Amino acid sequence: MRAMRGWFRDTTGGLPKTFWYLWTGTLINRLGSFVLVFLAIYLTQERGFSASQAGLVLGMWGVGGAIGTTAGGTLADRWGRRPTLLTAHLGGAAMMLALGFARDLWAVAAGALLLGLFAEAARPAFGAMMIDVVPERDRLRAFSLNYWAINLGFACAAVLAGFAAQSGYLLLFLVNAATTVVTALIIFAKVQETRTITITAASTSTPTGALRTILNDRVYLGFVTLNLLGALVFLQHISMLPIAMADSGLSPATYGSVIALNGVLIVVGQLFVPRLIRGRSRSHVLALASVVMGVGFGLTAFADVAWFYGLTVLIWTLGEMLNSPSNATLIAELSPGELRGRYQGVFSLSWQLAGAIAPILGGLVREQAGNVTLWLGCAVVGAVMAVGHLLSGPARERRALQLRTAGVGPVATAQPTGSVAATQG
């Protein structure tokens, strides 16, 4: 018992209050994150759209997300993290309701586009705020804790949504909108602005100058490209996996239970991952994660019953668990302080591009080449990513060391509030 208390203290102790408010908002929001999990099933079974049309709608979500995350990163640096988060959450709640009442394909696609824009505009501001308030030494466990909250909420939401959908899909949209508003209220009441100004020439750079800086950062763009490949594989669990399971005669509730295994495994094991990977080469960890994730998705080609689908989910979840904390800390270390929101935005952009491409590409490959080709192709992409991480890892670590020794962290020109002040000392 004493050892358990010590582990809990080492895992959760000493983190700023602002982090825990953000953590709580994340958990509440994810507990109600029903819609994206079941959107493919909703579109094909409730609205009668084809797999290609469903892929198009999910792709429009990704297009909106690409716009939103780019704008969100810029606004987080220039307008502030807090107003960006509030605007994104309230706009996302409104568009969630609009999408729930949309009927025609064009209206559903437009609703998905705008919902993706608002929902994903919050990501860069949230990531930048997390880096602002958490000292570098604590970021690995802070990001792991946040990821744990995301998946605790996801695991519960996936199971509950599967049964709630039987009472009507509109309920999913209503609950999702409500939890998004609650998250906005927590940010409004408890979270102060954390953006600080770096006293360097770069702090006065225009958006064009900032974009030029990022485009010239080949090390970071290489890392983002590898993440794009991984996201193209990973997002098939939202778009093509539910369709594949439906073709195997499995119900939406079964899909909800199977995909919930992803969140359950992360909830049970994610908090032990930081100790497991601490001190190990990040490029090796990321390469292993890519291989494991590729194997998990590749085995989906041979699944035809619920337990086999569940096994594939557990395998690629292990890869996801290794990938997430290493990715998060590496982004923080590769991001100059004065461009933190924009760097977060570019990284998030890789997910949004994948969100636009993955369902369309997955739908086309599945219809033209077959289900087996789609999933085995995911395994090949995983192997390519692993090689990429091994080759590019040393350059990334040199860049991270260069930024640390250059002392590019933010220097506040105004007095920060709450626990943020403690991180500046």
Protein backbone atom coordinates (compact mmCIF):
# COMPACT_ATOMS: atom_id res chain seq x y z
CA MET A 1 0.00 0.00 0.00
CA ARG A 2 2.85 2.36 0.84
CA ALA A 3 4.46 1.63 -2.54
CA MET A 4 1.16 2.38 -4.28
CA ARG A 5 0.81 5.69 -2.45
CA GLY A 6 4.37 6.57 -3.41
CA TRP A 7 3.69 5.75 -7.06
CA PHE A 8 0.50 7.82 -7.01
CA ARG A 9 2.34 10.76 -5.45
CA ASP A 10 5.14 10.54 -8.00
CA THR A 11 2.62 10.35 -10.84
CA THR A 12 0.23 13.13 -9.84
CA GLY A 13 1.99 15.29 -7.26
CA GLY A 14 3.36 18.78 -7.76
CA LEU A 15 1.44 19.70 -10.91
CA PRO A 16 -0.06 23.23 -11.17
CA LYS A 17 -3.72 23.90 -10.39
CA THR A 18 -4.31 25.21 -13.89
CA PHE A 19 -3.27 21.83 -15.26
CA TRP A 20 -5.87 20.09 -13.12
CA TYR A 21 -8.64 22.45 -14.29
CA LEU A 22 -7.69 21.69 -17.87
CA TRP A 23 -7.54 17.99 -17.01
CA THR A 24 -11.04 18.12 -15.52
CA GLY A 25 -12.41 19.92 -18.57
CA THR A 26 -10.83 17.31 -20.81
CA LEU A 27 -12.39 14.44 -18.85
CA ILE A 28 -15.88 15.97 -18.86
CA ASN A 29 -15.70 16.79 -22.55
CA ARG A 30 -14.54 13.30 -23.45
CA LEU A 31 -17.23 11.65 -21.33
CA GLY A 32 -19.71 13.17 -23.76
CA SER A 33 -17.71 12.71 -26.95
CA PHE A 34 -20.27 10.47 -28.59
CA VAL A 35 -20.64 11.86 -32.06
CA LEU A 36 -17.33 11.27 -33.80
CA VAL A 37 -17.17 7.69 -32.51
CA PHE A 38 -20.49 6.79 -34.10
CA LEU A 39 -20.64 9.24 -36.99
CA ALA A 40 -19.80 6.66 -39.66
CA ILE A 41 -22.51 4.31 -38.39
CA TYR A 42 -24.98 7.20 -38.04
CA LEU A 43 -24.38 8.32 -41.62
CA THR A 44 -24.65 4.87 -43.20
CA GLN A 45 -27.42 3.33 -41.11
CA GLU A 46 -29.54 6.27 -39.94
CA ARG A 47 -29.12 8.60 -42.94
CA GLY A 48 -28.64 5.90 -45.59
CA PHE A 49 -25.44 7.33 -47.07
CA SER A 50 -22.96 5.08 -48.87
CA ALA A 51 -19.49 4.34 -47.50
CA SER A 52 -18.03 6.86 -49.94
CA GLN A 53 -20.52 9.54 -48.92
CA ALA A 54 -19.83 8.84 -45.24
CA GLY A 55 -16.13 9.12 -46.00
CA LEU A 56 -16.79 12.45 -47.71
CA VAL A 57 -18.59 13.82 -44.65
CA LEU A 58 -15.80 12.67 -42.34
CA GLY A 59 -13.36 14.18 -44.79
CA MET A 60 -15.17 17.52 -44.58
CA TRP A 61 -14.75 17.32 -40.80
CA GLY A 62 -11.04 16.95 -41.47
CA VAL A 63 -10.98 19.88 -43.90
CA GLY A 64 -12.70 22.09 -41.34
CA GLY A 65 -10.27 20.85 -38.73
CA ALA A 66 -7.30 21.75 -40.93
CA ILE A 67 -8.60 25.31 -41.22
CA GLY A 68 -9.48 25.48 -37.55
CA THR A 69 -6.20 24.18 -36.21
CA THR A 70 -4.20 26.57 -38.39
CA ALA A 71 -6.30 29.54 -37.28
CA GLY A 72 -6.34 28.28 -33.70
CA GLY A 73 -2.55 28.13 -33.51
CA THR A 74 -2.19 31.70 -34.75
CA LEU A 75 -4.94 33.00 -32.45
CA ALA A 76 -3.41 31.21 -29.46
CA ASP A 77 -0.15 33.11 -29.97
CA ARG A 78 -1.61 36.49 -30.94
CA TRP A 79 -5.02 36.70 -29.25
CA GLY A 80 -4.43 34.37 -26.30
CA ARG A 81 -4.99 30.78 -25.24
CA ARG A 82 -8.07 31.43 -23.09
CA PRO A 83 -10.24 33.40 -25.55
CA THR A 84 -9.34 30.96 -28.30
CA LEU A 85 -10.43 28.01 -26.17
CA LEU A 86 -13.70 29.68 -25.12
CA THR A 87 -14.63 30.66 -28.67
CA ALA A 88 -13.77 27.23 -30.04
CA HIS A 89 -15.77 25.33 -27.42
CA LEU A 90 -18.89 27.48 -27.64
CA GLY A 91 -18.80 27.45 -31.44
CA GLY A 92 -18.28 23.69 -31.40
CA ALA A 93 -21.31 23.15 -29.15
CA ALA A 94 -23.52 25.22 -31.46
CA MET A 95 -22.38 23.37 -34.56
CA MET A 96 -22.84 20.01 -32.83
CA LEU A 97 -26.52 20.81 -32.46
CA ALA A 98 -26.73 22.02 -36.07
CA LEU A 99 -25.19 18.77 -37.33
CA GLY A 100 -27.64 16.73 -35.28
CA PHE A 101 -30.62 18.38 -36.99
CA ALA A 102 -29.14 18.36 -40.53
CA ARG A 103 -30.68 15.92 -43.00
CA ASP A 104 -29.52 16.45 -46.60
CA LEU A 105 -26.02 15.39 -47.60
CA TRP A 106 -24.91 18.96 -48.36
CA ALA A 107 -26.18 20.18 -44.97
CA VAL A 108 -24.53 17.32 -43.10
CA ALA A 109 -21.25 17.93 -44.95
CA ALA A 110 -21.38 21.68 -44.23
CA GLY A 111 -22.18 21.00 -40.57
CA ALA A 112 -19.25 18.58 -40.32
CA LEU A 113 -16.96 21.17 -41.92
CA LEU A 114 -17.89 23.90 -39.44
CA LEU A 115 -17.89 21.55 -36.47
CA GLY A 116 -14.40 20.37 -37.39
CA LEU A 117 -13.28 23.99 -37.67
CA PHE A 118 -14.42 24.96 -34.17
CA ALA A 119 -13.58 21.69 -32.45
CA GLU A 120 -10.04 21.53 -33.75
CA ALA A 121 -9.29 25.23 -33.24
CA ALA A 122 -9.11 24.43 -29.53
CA ARG A 123 -6.27 21.90 -29.84
CA PRO A 124 -3.30 24.23 -30.43
CA ALA A 125 -4.41 26.60 -27.66
CA PHE A 126 -4.90 23.71 -25.25
CA GLY A 127 -1.52 22.19 -26.08
CA ALA A 128 0.25 25.55 -25.78
CA MET A 129 -1.45 26.25 -22.44
CA MET A 130 -0.34 22.85 -21.12
CA ILE A 131 3.26 23.61 -22.05
CA ASP A 132 2.94 27.12 -20.57
CA VAL A 133 1.90 25.93 -17.12
CA VAL A 134 3.79 22.64 -16.72
CA PRO A 135 7.59 22.77 -16.17
CA GLU A 136 9.68 20.72 -18.59
CA ARG A 137 10.64 18.15 -15.94
CA ASP A 138 6.96 17.30 -15.34
CA ARG A 139 5.65 17.28 -18.91
CA LEU A 140 5.98 13.55 -19.58
CA ARG A 141 3.72 12.63 -16.67
CA ALA A 142 1.42 15.63 -17.24
CA PHE A 143 0.77 14.67 -20.85
CA SER A 144 0.35 11.04 -19.80
CA LEU A 145 -2.23 12.06 -17.18
CA ASN A 146 -4.12 14.15 -19.72
CA TYR A 147 -4.03 11.32 -22.23
CA TRP A 148 -5.33 9.02 -19.49
CA ALA A 149 -8.27 11.38 -18.90
CA ILE A 150 -9.03 11.51 -22.62
CA ASN A 151 -9.23 7.75 -22.81
CA LEU A 152 -11.12 7.28 -19.55
CA GLY A 153 -13.78 9.55 -20.99
CA PHE A 154 -13.58 7.84 -24.37
CA ALA A 155 -13.98 4.36 -22.90
CA CYS A 156 -17.09 5.38 -20.98
CA ALA A 157 -18.50 7.37 -23.90
CA ALA A 158 -18.06 4.56 -26.42
CA VAL A 159 -20.02 2.09 -24.29
CA LEU A 160 -22.73 4.54 -23.25
CA ALA A 161 -23.15 5.89 -26.77
CA GLY A 162 -23.71 2.42 -28.17
CA PHE A 163 -26.75 2.02 -25.96
CA ALA A 164 -27.87 5.66 -26.17
CA ALA A 165 -27.96 5.37 -29.96
CA GLN A 166 -30.72 2.79 -29.58
CA SER A 167 -32.89 5.57 -28.10
CA GLY A 168 -32.17 7.91 -31.00
CA TYR A 169 -29.01 9.35 -32.46
CA LEU A 170 -30.08 12.94 -31.71
CA LEU A 171 -29.39 12.25 -28.03
CA LEU A 172 -25.71 11.74 -28.87
CA PHE A 173 -25.46 15.21 -30.40
CA LEU A 174 -27.29 16.84 -27.47
CA VAL A 175 -25.07 15.27 -24.80
CA ASN A 176 -21.90 16.02 -26.77
CA ALA A 177 -22.91 19.69 -27.07
CA ALA A 178 -23.75 19.90 -23.36
CA THR A 179 -20.39 18.55 -22.18
CA THR A 180 -18.59 20.91 -24.53
CA VAL A 181 -20.40 23.85 -22.91
CA VAL A 182 -19.49 22.57 -19.43
CA THR A 183 -15.82 22.49 -20.45
CA ALA A 184 -16.09 26.09 -21.65
CA LEU A 185 -17.61 27.10 -18.31
CA ILE A 186 -14.71 25.51 -16.40
CA ILE A 187 -12.21 27.43 -18.55
CA PHE A 188 -14.18 30.66 -18.08
CA ALA A 189 -14.44 30.32 -14.30
CA LYS A 190 -11.11 28.75 -13.34
CA VAL A 191 -8.46 29.19 -16.04
CA GLN A 192 -6.59 32.46 -16.52
CA GLU A 193 -4.62 33.49 -19.59
CA THR A 194 -1.17 31.84 -19.71
CA ARG A 195 0.29 33.39 -22.85
CA THR A 196 3.55 35.22 -22.20
CA ILE A 197 5.71 37.32 -24.47
CA THR A 198 9.23 36.33 -25.37
CA ILE A 199 11.69 39.20 -25.47
CA THR A 200 13.32 38.35 -28.79
CA ALA A 201 13.09 39.66 -32.30
CA ALA A 202 10.93 36.65 -33.17
CA SER A 203 8.22 37.82 -30.78
CA THR A 204 7.31 40.63 -33.16
CA SER A 205 7.22 38.39 -36.21
CA THR A 206 4.21 38.59 -38.48
CA PRO A 207 2.14 35.49 -39.26
CA THR A 208 3.96 35.34 -42.61
CA GLY A 209 7.32 35.42 -40.87
CA ALA A 210 6.23 32.77 -38.40
CA LEU A 211 5.01 30.55 -41.21
CA ARG A 212 8.33 30.98 -43.00
CA THR A 213 10.16 29.96 -39.84
CA ILE A 214 8.11 26.77 -39.53
CA LEU A 215 8.41 25.92 -43.22
CA ASN A 216 12.19 26.22 -42.96
CA ASP A 217 12.28 23.90 -39.94
CA ARG A 218 12.89 20.66 -41.81
CA VAL A 219 13.46 18.66 -38.64
CA TYR A 220 10.04 19.57 -37.28
CA LEU A 221 8.28 19.13 -40.62
CA GLY A 222 9.81 15.67 -40.97
CA PHE A 223 8.39 14.78 -37.57
CA VAL A 224 4.98 16.15 -38.58
CA THR A 225 5.06 14.13 -41.82
CA LEU A 226 5.65 10.90 -39.91
CA ASN A 227 2.74 11.78 -37.64
CA LEU A 228 0.56 12.34 -40.71
CA LEU A 229 1.30 8.80 -41.89
CA GLY A 230 0.47 7.42 -38.46
CA ALA A 231 -2.76 9.41 -38.31
CA LEU A 232 -3.85 8.05 -41.71
CA VAL A 233 -3.62 4.56 -40.22
CA PHE A 234 -5.00 5.36 -36.77
CA LEU A 235 -8.12 7.20 -37.96
CA GLN A 236 -9.33 4.13 -39.83
CA HIS A 237 -10.72 2.98 -36.47
CA ILE A 238 -13.30 5.77 -36.71
CA SER A 239 -14.13 5.57 -40.40
CA MET A 240 -13.60 2.08 -41.87
CA LEU A 241 -13.52 -0.14 -38.77
CA PRO A 242 -17.20 0.40 -37.84
CA ILE A 243 -18.19 -0.27 -41.45
CA ALA A 244 -16.08 -3.44 -41.55
CA MET A 245 -17.66 -4.65 -38.31
CA ALA A 246 -21.14 -3.90 -39.63
CA ASP A 247 -20.34 -5.97 -42.73
CA SER A 248 -19.42 -8.82 -40.35
CA GLY A 249 -22.94 -8.64 -38.92
CA LEU A 250 -21.99 -6.87 -35.69
CA SER A 251 -24.24 -4.22 -34.13
CA PRO A 252 -23.35 -0.59 -33.23
CA ALA A 253 -23.44 -1.59 -29.56
CA THR A 254 -20.85 -4.29 -30.25
CA TYR A 255 -18.65 -1.79 -32.04
CA GLY A 256 -18.98 0.53 -29.05
CA SER A 257 -17.91 -2.22 -26.67
CA VAL A 258 -15.00 -3.31 -28.87
CA ILE A 259 -13.65 0.19 -29.44
CA ALA A 260 -14.05 0.91 -25.73
CA LEU A 261 -11.27 -1.63 -25.13
CA ASN A 262 -8.93 1.03 -26.49
CA GLY A 263 -9.84 3.41 -23.70
CA VAL A 264 -9.98 0.70 -21.03
CA LEU A 265 -6.45 -0.52 -21.76
CA ILE A 266 -5.11 3.03 -21.74
CA VAL A 267 -6.90 3.81 -18.46
CA VAL A 268 -5.45 0.68 -16.86
CA GLY A 269 -1.92 0.96 -18.19
CA GLN A 270 -1.10 4.47 -19.45
CA LEU A 271 0.06 5.85 -16.10
CA PHE A 272 2.77 3.16 -15.96
CA VAL A 273 4.15 4.04 -19.40
CA PRO A 274 6.25 7.09 -18.33
CA ARG A 275 8.33 4.92 -16.01
CA LEU A 276 8.63 2.25 -18.69
CA ILE A 277 10.01 4.58 -21.35
CA ARG A 278 11.86 7.09 -19.17
CA GLY A 279 15.51 7.27 -20.19
CA ARG A 280 15.00 5.29 -23.40
CA SER A 281 15.66 6.61 -26.88
CA ARG A 282 12.52 8.38 -28.11
CA SER A 283 13.22 7.43 -31.71
CA HIS A 284 13.37 3.75 -30.71
CA VAL A 285 10.16 4.04 -28.68
CA LEU A 286 8.36 5.75 -31.56
CA ALA A 287 9.64 3.16 -34.04
CA LEU A 288 8.41 0.30 -31.84
CA ALA A 289 5.06 2.05 -31.41
CA SER A 290 4.71 2.33 -35.20
CA VAL A 291 5.37 -1.37 -35.74
CA VAL A 292 2.96 -2.47 -33.01
CA MET A 293 0.23 -0.15 -34.30
CA GLY A 294 0.75 -1.38 -37.86
CA VAL A 295 0.50 -5.02 -36.79
CA GLY A 296 -2.72 -4.34 -34.89
CA PHE A 297 -4.45 -2.66 -37.80
CA GLY A 298 -3.04 -5.21 -40.26
CA LEU A 299 -4.62 -8.10 -38.36
CA THR A 300 -8.03 -6.47 -38.86
CA ALA A 301 -7.88 -7.91 -42.39
CA PHE A 302 -8.55 -11.37 -40.92
CA ALA A 303 -11.10 -10.42 -38.23
CA ASP A 304 -14.72 -11.53 -38.59
CA VAL A 305 -15.99 -11.93 -35.02
CA ALA A 306 -16.15 -9.55 -32.06
CA TRP A 307 -13.33 -11.11 -30.01
CA PHE A 308 -10.91 -10.98 -32.96
CA TYR A 309 -11.74 -7.33 -33.61
CA GLY A 310 -11.21 -6.72 -29.90
CA LEU A 311 -7.78 -8.37 -30.07
CA THR A 312 -6.70 -6.11 -32.93
CA VAL A 313 -7.84 -3.05 -30.97
CA LEU A 314 -5.79 -4.12 -27.93
CA ILE A 315 -2.66 -4.59 -30.08
CA TRP A 316 -2.76 -1.22 -31.83
CA THR A 317 -3.68 0.43 -28.54
CA LEU A 318 -0.34 -0.73 -27.09
CA GLY A 319 1.38 1.11 -29.93
CA GLU A 320 -0.74 4.19 -29.28
CA MET A 321 0.19 4.12 -25.57
CA LEU A 322 3.91 4.14 -26.40
CA ASN A 323 3.51 6.78 -29.08
CA SER A 324 1.48 9.44 -27.27
CA PRO A 325 3.74 10.61 -24.39
CA SER A 326 6.88 10.52 -26.53
CA ASN A 327 5.14 12.54 -29.22
CA ALA A 328 3.80 15.12 -26.76
CA THR A 329 7.11 15.80 -25.02
CA LEU A 330 8.96 15.96 -28.33
CA ILE A 331 6.54 18.57 -29.70
CA ALA A 332 7.09 20.69 -26.60
CA GLU A 333 10.88 20.50 -26.94
CA LEU A 334 10.89 21.27 -30.67
CA SER A 335 8.63 24.35 -30.31
CA PRO A 336 10.26 27.77 -29.78
CA GLY A 337 8.48 29.61 -26.97
CA GLU A 338 7.30 32.59 -29.02
CA LEU A 339 5.80 30.32 -31.69
CA ARG A 340 4.42 27.65 -29.39
CA GLY A 341 0.80 27.96 -30.50
CA ARG A 342 1.70 27.95 -34.18
CA TYR A 343 3.95 24.91 -33.82
CA GLN A 344 1.13 23.14 -31.99
CA GLY A 345 -1.17 24.21 -34.81
CA VAL A 346 1.09 22.74 -37.51
CA PHE A 347 1.31 19.46 -35.63
CA SER A 348 -2.46 19.41 -35.17
CA LEU A 349 -2.76 20.16 -38.89
CA SER A 350 -1.25 16.76 -39.64
CA TRP A 351 -4.14 15.18 -37.77
CA GLN A 352 -6.67 17.31 -39.59
CA LEU A 353 -5.21 16.52 -42.99
CA ALA A 354 -5.41 12.88 -42.03
CA GLY A 355 -8.96 13.44 -40.86
CA ALA A 356 -9.80 14.74 -44.33
CA ILE A 357 -7.83 12.14 -46.28
CA ALA A 358 -8.12 8.96 -44.19
CA PRO A 359 -11.88 8.29 -44.51
CA ILE A 360 -11.96 9.15 -48.22
CA LEU A 361 -8.82 7.13 -48.98
CA GLY A 362 -9.95 4.28 -46.75
CA GLY A 363 -13.36 4.19 -48.41
CA LEU A 364 -11.89 4.19 -51.90
CA VAL A 365 -9.31 1.50 -51.14
CA ARG A 366 -11.95 -0.65 -49.49
CA GLU A 367 -14.40 -0.32 -52.38
CA GLN A 368 -11.82 -0.67 -55.17
CA ALA A 369 -9.25 -3.10 -53.75
CA GLY A 370 -11.07 -4.79 -50.89
CA ASN A 371 -11.06 -4.93 -47.12
CA VAL A 372 -7.91 -7.08 -46.85
CA THR A 373 -5.85 -4.68 -48.96
CA LEU A 374 -6.90 -1.73 -46.81
CA TRP A 375 -5.76 -3.25 -43.52
CA LEU A 376 -2.58 -4.86 -44.82
CA GLY A 377 -1.70 -1.48 -46.34
CA CYS A 378 -1.95 -0.03 -42.82
CA ALA A 379 0.67 -2.54 -41.66
CA VAL A 380 3.02 -1.48 -44.45
CA VAL A 381 2.63 2.19 -43.51
CA GLY A 382 3.50 1.31 -39.90
CA ALA A 383 6.77 -0.30 -41.03
CA VAL A 384 7.65 2.74 -43.15
CA MET A 385 7.05 5.02 -40.15
CA ALA A 386 9.32 2.92 -37.96
CA VAL A 387 12.20 3.30 -40.40
CA GLY A 388 11.52 7.03 -40.63
CA HIS A 389 11.70 7.47 -36.85
CA LEU A 390 14.98 5.58 -36.60
CA LEU A 391 16.57 7.65 -39.36
CA SER A 392 15.32 11.06 -38.21
CA GLY A 393 15.51 10.59 -34.45
CA PRO A 394 19.11 11.81 -33.90
CA ALA A 395 18.46 15.09 -35.75
CA ARG A 396 15.35 15.75 -33.64
CA GLU A 397 17.24 15.22 -30.39
CA ARG A 398 20.00 17.58 -31.53
CA ARG A 399 17.39 20.23 -32.32
CA ALA A 400 15.69 19.78 -28.93
CA LEU A 401 19.05 20.14 -27.16
CA GLN A 402 19.84 23.25 -29.21
CA LEU A 403 16.56 24.92 -28.17
CA ARG A 404 17.05 24.02 -24.52
CA THR A 405 20.57 25.39 -24.36
CA ALA A 406 19.58 28.53 -26.33
CA GLY A 407 17.14 29.48 -23.56
CA VAL A 408 14.22 30.29 -25.85
CA GLY A 409 11.56 29.83 -23.17
CA PRO A 410 9.05 32.65 -22.63
CA VAL A 411 9.77 35.59 -20.33
CA ALA A 412 6.64 37.19 -18.90
CA THR A 413 6.14 40.90 -19.38
CA ALA A 414 3.02 40.90 -17.20
CA GLN A 415 2.43 39.20 -13.90
CA PRO A 416 1.03 35.71 -14.51
CA THR A 417 -1.74 34.48 -12.23
CA GLY A 418 -2.09 31.45 -10.06
CA SER A 419 0.19 28.50 -10.61
CA VAL A 420 1.57 29.94 -13.82
CA ALA A 421 3.80 32.22 -11.80
CA ALA A 422 5.42 29.25 -10.16
CA THR A 423 6.48 27.86 -13.51
CA GLN A 424 8.40 31.02 -14.35
CA GLY A 425 10.75 30.87 -11.42
